[in-house]
Amino acid sequence: MVYFVGAGCGAADLITVRGMRFLQKADVVIYAGSLVNPELLDYAKAGCKIFNSATMTLEEVVSEMKSAEEKNLMTVRLHTGDQSIYGAVREQMDVLDQLNIPYESCPGVSACFGAASSLNLEFTLPEVSQSLIITRMEGKTSVPEKESIQSFSIHHATMAIYLSTSMLEELSKRLIEGGYEKTTPAALIYKATWPEEKRFVCTIESLAETAKANNITKTALVLVGDVITHSNYAKSRLYAADFETEFRKIKK
C-alpha cells in the first residue's frame, strides 16, 4: 500500500496525527527533498528505507514503490504542504493505477494556511474579501491563459501566490495591470512555520524591493489583498446579537 501524505507547511508538529502515524508505520519513505522538514523523518521507525525524491525521476520513484509493494511493504510518499496543491501526485497515482498498486491520500496543511497563521490573518473578511485564489506565475510549468494573474486580479479577492519568488517584479506588474492598486497590501512569507521563517508586510509595488533587501530568492509565498491589514471590515453576522441560528435565539 502507498500512502500519499501531506507533510504540512514546515513545523514538524504541523503534520496531521494520521500522517504522523503513517510515517511511524512505514517501511519505505520517499520524501520531497529540501521542501520537507527533515525533522519529520525522525518519526520513521528503525530500519525504514528513506529516499530523497529531489534526486529521483518519476520512473525511479515509482520503481521504489513497486519494489516495496512486491515485498508487501508499506510506502509513504511524503509531499510538502498538502499534496493536492502543486504536488505532482496525479501522475504518480495514474502509474500506480496501471500497476494495480493501491494507494490512499492523507491531507496536510498547505503553505498559505501556515502563512496566515504566522500573520494571524483571516483570508475572508466580510465586505473585504470572501474568496481566496490560490495560483502561481508560469515557470517550467505553464499556466492556462484564462488563469493569468491579470485575470484573477480583476476580482480584488485575497490571493495566495506560490512558486513565484524569483519573478516578483513581473508579478507586481501583472497584479497592477489586472486592477490592484500599487498600494494594495501584500506579504512575503519565507518558509512559513519553519524555525527560519521570515515574514514581511509590504505593498504590491514594493514586493521585489522587499525580497531583495532581505535576500529572499526562493521558498516564499506571496499574499495579496486588503485582508492583510484587516481594516474597514464588517463584523460577522454569525455572532451578532440580533442574528438567530439553530443553536441561539436573538438576544436583545
Protein backbone atom coordinates (compact mmCIF):
# COMPACT_ATOMS: atom_id res chain seq x y z
CA MET A 1 0.00 0.00 0.00
CA VAL A 2 1.21 3.52 -0.82
CA TYR A 3 0.14 6.49 1.30
CA PHE A 4 0.49 10.00 -0.12
CA VAL A 5 0.97 12.15 2.96
CA GLY A 6 0.99 15.94 3.22
CA ALA A 7 3.94 16.88 5.41
CA GLY A 8 2.45 20.23 6.34
CA CYS A 9 3.90 23.67 5.75
CA GLY A 10 7.08 23.39 7.77
CA ALA A 11 6.96 22.89 11.53
CA ALA A 12 7.32 19.20 12.33
CA ASP A 13 4.32 19.22 14.66
CA LEU A 14 2.02 20.60 11.94
CA ILE A 15 1.73 17.26 10.20
CA THR A 16 -1.63 15.63 10.92
CA VAL A 17 -1.84 12.93 13.57
CA ARG A 18 -2.88 10.49 10.85
CA GLY A 19 0.11 11.47 8.71
CA MET A 20 2.47 11.03 11.66
CA ARG A 21 1.08 7.55 12.34
CA PHE A 22 1.57 6.55 8.71
CA LEU A 23 5.19 7.71 8.95
CA GLN A 24 5.70 5.70 12.13
CA LYS A 25 4.45 2.52 10.44
CA ALA A 26 6.15 2.97 7.06
CA ASP A 27 8.75 0.55 5.74
CA VAL A 28 9.71 2.93 2.94
CA VAL A 29 9.53 6.74 2.92
CA ILE A 30 10.06 8.81 -0.22
CA TYR A 31 10.13 12.48 0.76
CA ALA A 32 10.20 15.70 -1.27
CA GLY A 33 13.77 16.79 -0.54
CA SER A 34 14.52 20.20 0.98
CA LEU A 35 10.85 21.17 0.84
CA VAL A 36 10.04 18.79 3.70
CA ASN A 37 11.31 19.48 7.20
CA PRO A 38 13.89 16.71 7.89
CA GLU A 39 12.69 16.54 11.50
CA LEU A 40 9.64 14.68 10.19
CA LEU A 41 11.88 11.77 9.23
CA ASP A 42 12.53 11.25 12.95
CA TYR A 43 9.03 9.76 13.11
CA ALA A 44 10.16 6.88 10.89
CA LYS A 45 10.93 3.59 12.62
CA ALA A 46 14.34 1.97 12.79
CA GLY A 47 15.16 0.14 9.58
CA CYS A 48 12.84 2.23 7.41
CA LYS A 49 14.34 2.87 3.96
CA ILE A 50 14.32 6.60 3.19
CA PHE A 51 14.68 8.15 -0.26
CA ASN A 52 15.02 11.81 -1.25
CA SER A 53 12.90 12.32 -4.36
CA ALA A 54 14.77 15.54 -5.26
CA THR A 55 17.41 13.32 -6.86
CA MET A 56 14.93 10.92 -8.48
CA THR A 57 12.86 10.81 -11.66
CA LEU A 58 9.19 9.82 -11.72
CA GLU A 59 10.20 6.39 -13.01
CA GLU A 60 12.66 5.91 -10.14
CA VAL A 61 10.06 6.96 -7.55
CA VAL A 62 7.50 4.52 -8.93
CA SER A 63 10.12 1.79 -9.16
CA GLU A 64 10.74 2.02 -5.41
CA MET A 65 7.00 1.94 -4.74
CA LYS A 66 6.64 -1.13 -6.97
CA SER A 67 9.56 -2.87 -5.30
CA ALA A 68 8.10 -2.22 -1.84
CA GLU A 69 4.67 -3.48 -2.92
CA GLU A 70 6.15 -6.71 -4.26
CA LYS A 71 7.66 -7.29 -0.80
CA ASN A 72 4.34 -6.43 0.90
CA LEU A 73 5.86 -3.33 2.47
CA MET A 74 4.15 -0.03 3.30
CA THR A 75 5.31 3.11 1.48
CA VAL A 76 4.76 6.73 2.49
CA ARG A 77 5.21 9.30 -0.27
CA LEU A 78 5.79 12.43 1.80
CA HIS A 79 4.95 15.64 -0.03
CA THR A 80 5.34 19.23 1.08
CA GLY A 81 2.30 21.09 2.44
CA ASP A 82 -0.82 19.46 1.07
CA GLN A 83 -0.08 17.28 -1.92
CA SER A 84 -3.24 18.35 -3.73
CA ILE A 85 -1.69 21.79 -4.42
CA TYR A 86 1.27 21.73 -6.83
CA GLY A 87 2.19 18.26 -5.58
CA ALA A 88 2.58 16.45 -8.93
CA VAL A 89 0.81 13.46 -7.40
CA ARG A 90 -1.71 12.69 -10.13
CA GLU A 91 0.99 11.42 -12.48
CA GLN A 92 2.23 9.07 -9.76
CA MET A 93 -1.27 7.83 -8.98
CA ASP A 94 -2.01 7.13 -12.64
CA VAL A 95 1.06 4.90 -12.91
CA LEU A 96 0.08 3.11 -9.70
CA ASP A 97 -3.38 2.54 -11.20
CA GLN A 98 -1.73 0.92 -14.23
CA LEU A 99 0.30 -1.31 -11.92
CA ASN A 100 -2.76 -2.17 -9.77
CA ILE A 101 -0.99 -0.82 -6.67
CA PRO A 102 -3.46 0.57 -4.10
CA TYR A 103 -2.93 4.00 -2.60
CA GLU A 104 -4.57 6.48 -0.26
CA SER A 105 -4.18 10.21 0.45
CA CYS A 106 -3.70 11.94 3.79
CA PRO A 107 -4.10 15.75 3.65
CA GLY A 108 -1.65 18.29 5.01
CA VAL A 109 -1.51 21.97 5.95
CA SER A 110 -0.64 24.00 2.85
CA ALA A 111 1.80 26.92 2.93
CA CYS A 112 -0.89 29.58 2.55
CA PHE A 113 -2.54 28.44 5.78
CA GLY A 114 0.79 28.30 7.57
CA ALA A 115 1.47 31.84 6.34
CA ALA A 116 -1.95 33.01 7.52
CA SER A 117 -1.25 31.61 10.98
CA SER A 118 2.15 33.34 11.09
CA LEU A 119 0.48 36.68 10.38
CA ASN A 120 -2.69 35.93 12.36
CA LEU A 121 -4.74 36.54 9.22
CA GLU A 122 -8.30 35.73 8.26
CA PHE A 123 -8.44 35.42 4.48
CA THR A 124 -12.18 36.03 4.26
CA LEU A 125 -13.23 39.25 5.99
CA PRO A 126 -16.83 40.43 5.44
CA GLU A 127 -17.10 43.32 2.96
CA VAL A 128 -13.39 42.99 2.09
CA SER A 129 -13.00 39.55 0.51
CA GLN A 130 -14.96 36.33 0.68
CA SER A 131 -12.73 34.36 -1.68
CA LEU A 132 -9.18 33.01 -1.65
CA ILE A 133 -7.46 32.49 -5.00
CA ILE A 134 -4.53 30.07 -4.96
CA THR A 135 -2.38 30.44 -8.05
CA ARG A 136 1.15 30.84 -9.42
CA MET A 137 3.14 32.53 -12.15
CA GLU A 138 4.09 30.35 -15.09
CA GLY A 139 7.58 28.91 -14.91
CA LYS A 140 8.72 25.46 -16.04
CA THR A 141 5.06 24.53 -15.69
CA SER A 142 2.76 26.67 -17.83
CA VAL A 143 -0.46 28.32 -16.62
CA PRO A 144 -3.63 28.32 -18.74
CA GLU A 145 -4.21 31.72 -20.36
CA LYS A 146 -7.61 32.05 -18.68
CA GLU A 147 -5.88 31.73 -15.30
CA SER A 148 -3.44 34.59 -15.71
CA ILE A 149 -2.51 36.77 -12.74
CA GLN A 150 -4.17 39.71 -14.51
CA SER A 151 -7.48 37.89 -14.92
CA PHE A 152 -7.60 36.88 -11.27
CA SER A 153 -6.63 40.38 -10.14
CA ILE A 154 -9.86 41.77 -11.56
CA HIS A 155 -11.75 40.25 -8.63
CA HIS A 156 -9.72 42.04 -5.92
CA ALA A 157 -10.08 38.86 -3.85
CA THR A 158 -7.41 37.60 -1.47
CA MET A 159 -4.64 35.85 -3.38
CA ALA A 160 -2.02 33.33 -2.31
CA ILE A 161 0.66 33.10 -4.97
CA TYR A 162 3.00 30.13 -4.92
CA LEU A 163 6.27 29.38 -6.74
CA SER A 164 6.81 32.94 -7.93
CA THR A 165 9.51 34.42 -5.67
CA SER A 166 12.06 34.72 -8.49
CA MET A 167 9.59 36.74 -10.61
CA LEU A 168 8.33 39.38 -8.18
CA GLU A 169 8.86 42.41 -10.42
CA GLU A 170 6.80 40.78 -13.17
CA LEU A 171 4.25 39.56 -10.63
CA SER A 172 3.74 43.10 -9.29
CA LYS A 173 3.39 44.44 -12.81
CA ARG A 174 0.70 41.89 -13.68
CA LEU A 175 -1.21 42.41 -10.43
CA ILE A 176 -1.36 46.15 -11.10
CA GLU A 177 -2.28 45.64 -14.76
CA GLY A 178 -5.13 43.40 -13.59
CA GLY A 179 -6.64 46.06 -11.36
CA TYR A 180 -4.98 46.11 -7.93
CA GLU A 181 -3.74 49.47 -6.70
CA LYS A 182 0.03 49.78 -6.27
CA THR A 183 -0.54 50.38 -2.57
CA THR A 184 -2.61 47.23 -2.04
CA PRO A 185 -1.21 45.36 0.98
CA ALA A 186 0.97 42.35 0.28
CA ALA A 187 3.02 39.98 2.37
CA LEU A 188 6.08 37.89 1.67
CA ILE A 189 6.50 34.86 3.91
CA TYR A 190 9.70 32.85 3.66
CA LYS A 191 9.44 29.22 4.83
CA ALA A 192 6.21 29.72 6.77
CA THR A 193 6.22 27.97 10.19
CA TRP A 194 9.81 26.70 9.79
CA PRO A 195 12.28 27.74 12.52
CA GLU A 196 13.95 30.06 9.98
CA GLU A 197 10.68 31.72 8.94
CA LYS A 198 10.79 35.36 7.86
CA ARG A 199 7.69 37.46 7.17
CA PHE A 200 7.30 40.92 5.75
CA VAL A 201 4.22 43.06 5.16
CA CYS A 202 4.63 45.50 2.29
CA THR A 203 2.67 46.58 -0.79
CA ILE A 204 2.29 45.08 -4.24
CA GLU A 205 4.59 47.77 -5.61
CA SER A 206 7.37 47.01 -3.08
CA LEU A 207 7.35 43.19 -3.23
CA ALA A 208 10.54 42.85 -5.30
CA GLU A 209 12.32 45.54 -3.27
CA THR A 210 11.36 43.81 -0.01
CA ALA A 211 12.63 40.45 -1.24
CA LYS A 212 15.92 41.94 -2.44
CA ALA A 213 16.51 43.85 0.80
CA ASN A 214 16.06 40.65 2.80
CA ASN A 215 17.85 38.28 0.41
CA ILE A 216 14.78 36.18 -0.29
CA THR A 217 15.09 34.37 -3.63
CA LYS A 218 13.03 31.20 -3.19
CA THR A 219 10.77 29.16 -0.90
CA ALA A 220 8.49 32.10 -0.15
CA LEU A 221 4.78 32.66 -0.54
CA VAL A 222 3.16 35.90 -1.64
CA LEU A 223 -0.16 37.02 -0.16
CA VAL A 224 -2.11 39.90 -1.68
CA GLY A 225 -5.23 41.73 -0.54
CA ASP A 226 -6.75 44.20 1.89
CA VAL A 227 -7.30 41.43 4.46
CA ILE A 228 -3.60 41.67 5.27
CA THR A 229 -4.10 44.99 7.08
CA HIS A 230 -7.55 43.87 8.37
CA SER A 231 -9.08 47.34 8.39
CA ASN A 232 -12.53 48.54 7.30
CA TYR A 233 -14.16 45.13 7.51
CA ALA A 234 -17.62 44.31 8.81
CA LYS A 235 -18.17 42.04 11.79
CA SER A 236 -19.52 38.59 11.07
CA ARG A 237 -23.30 38.26 11.33
CA LEU A 238 -22.81 34.81 12.83
CA TYR A 239 -22.22 36.19 16.33
CA ALA A 240 -24.48 39.26 16.14
CA ALA A 241 -26.99 39.51 18.98
CA ASP A 242 -29.85 40.07 16.52
CA PHE A 243 -28.94 37.05 14.38
CA GLU A 244 -30.83 33.84 15.14
CA THR A 245 -29.37 30.40 14.46
CA GLU A 246 -30.41 26.81 15.11
CA PHE A 247 -28.50 26.98 18.39
CA ARG A 248 -29.08 30.56 19.55
CA LYS A 249 -32.10 32.80 19.78
CA ILE A 250 -31.99 36.56 19.21
CA LYS A 251 -30.62 38.36 22.24
CA LYS A 252 -31.93 41.83 22.89
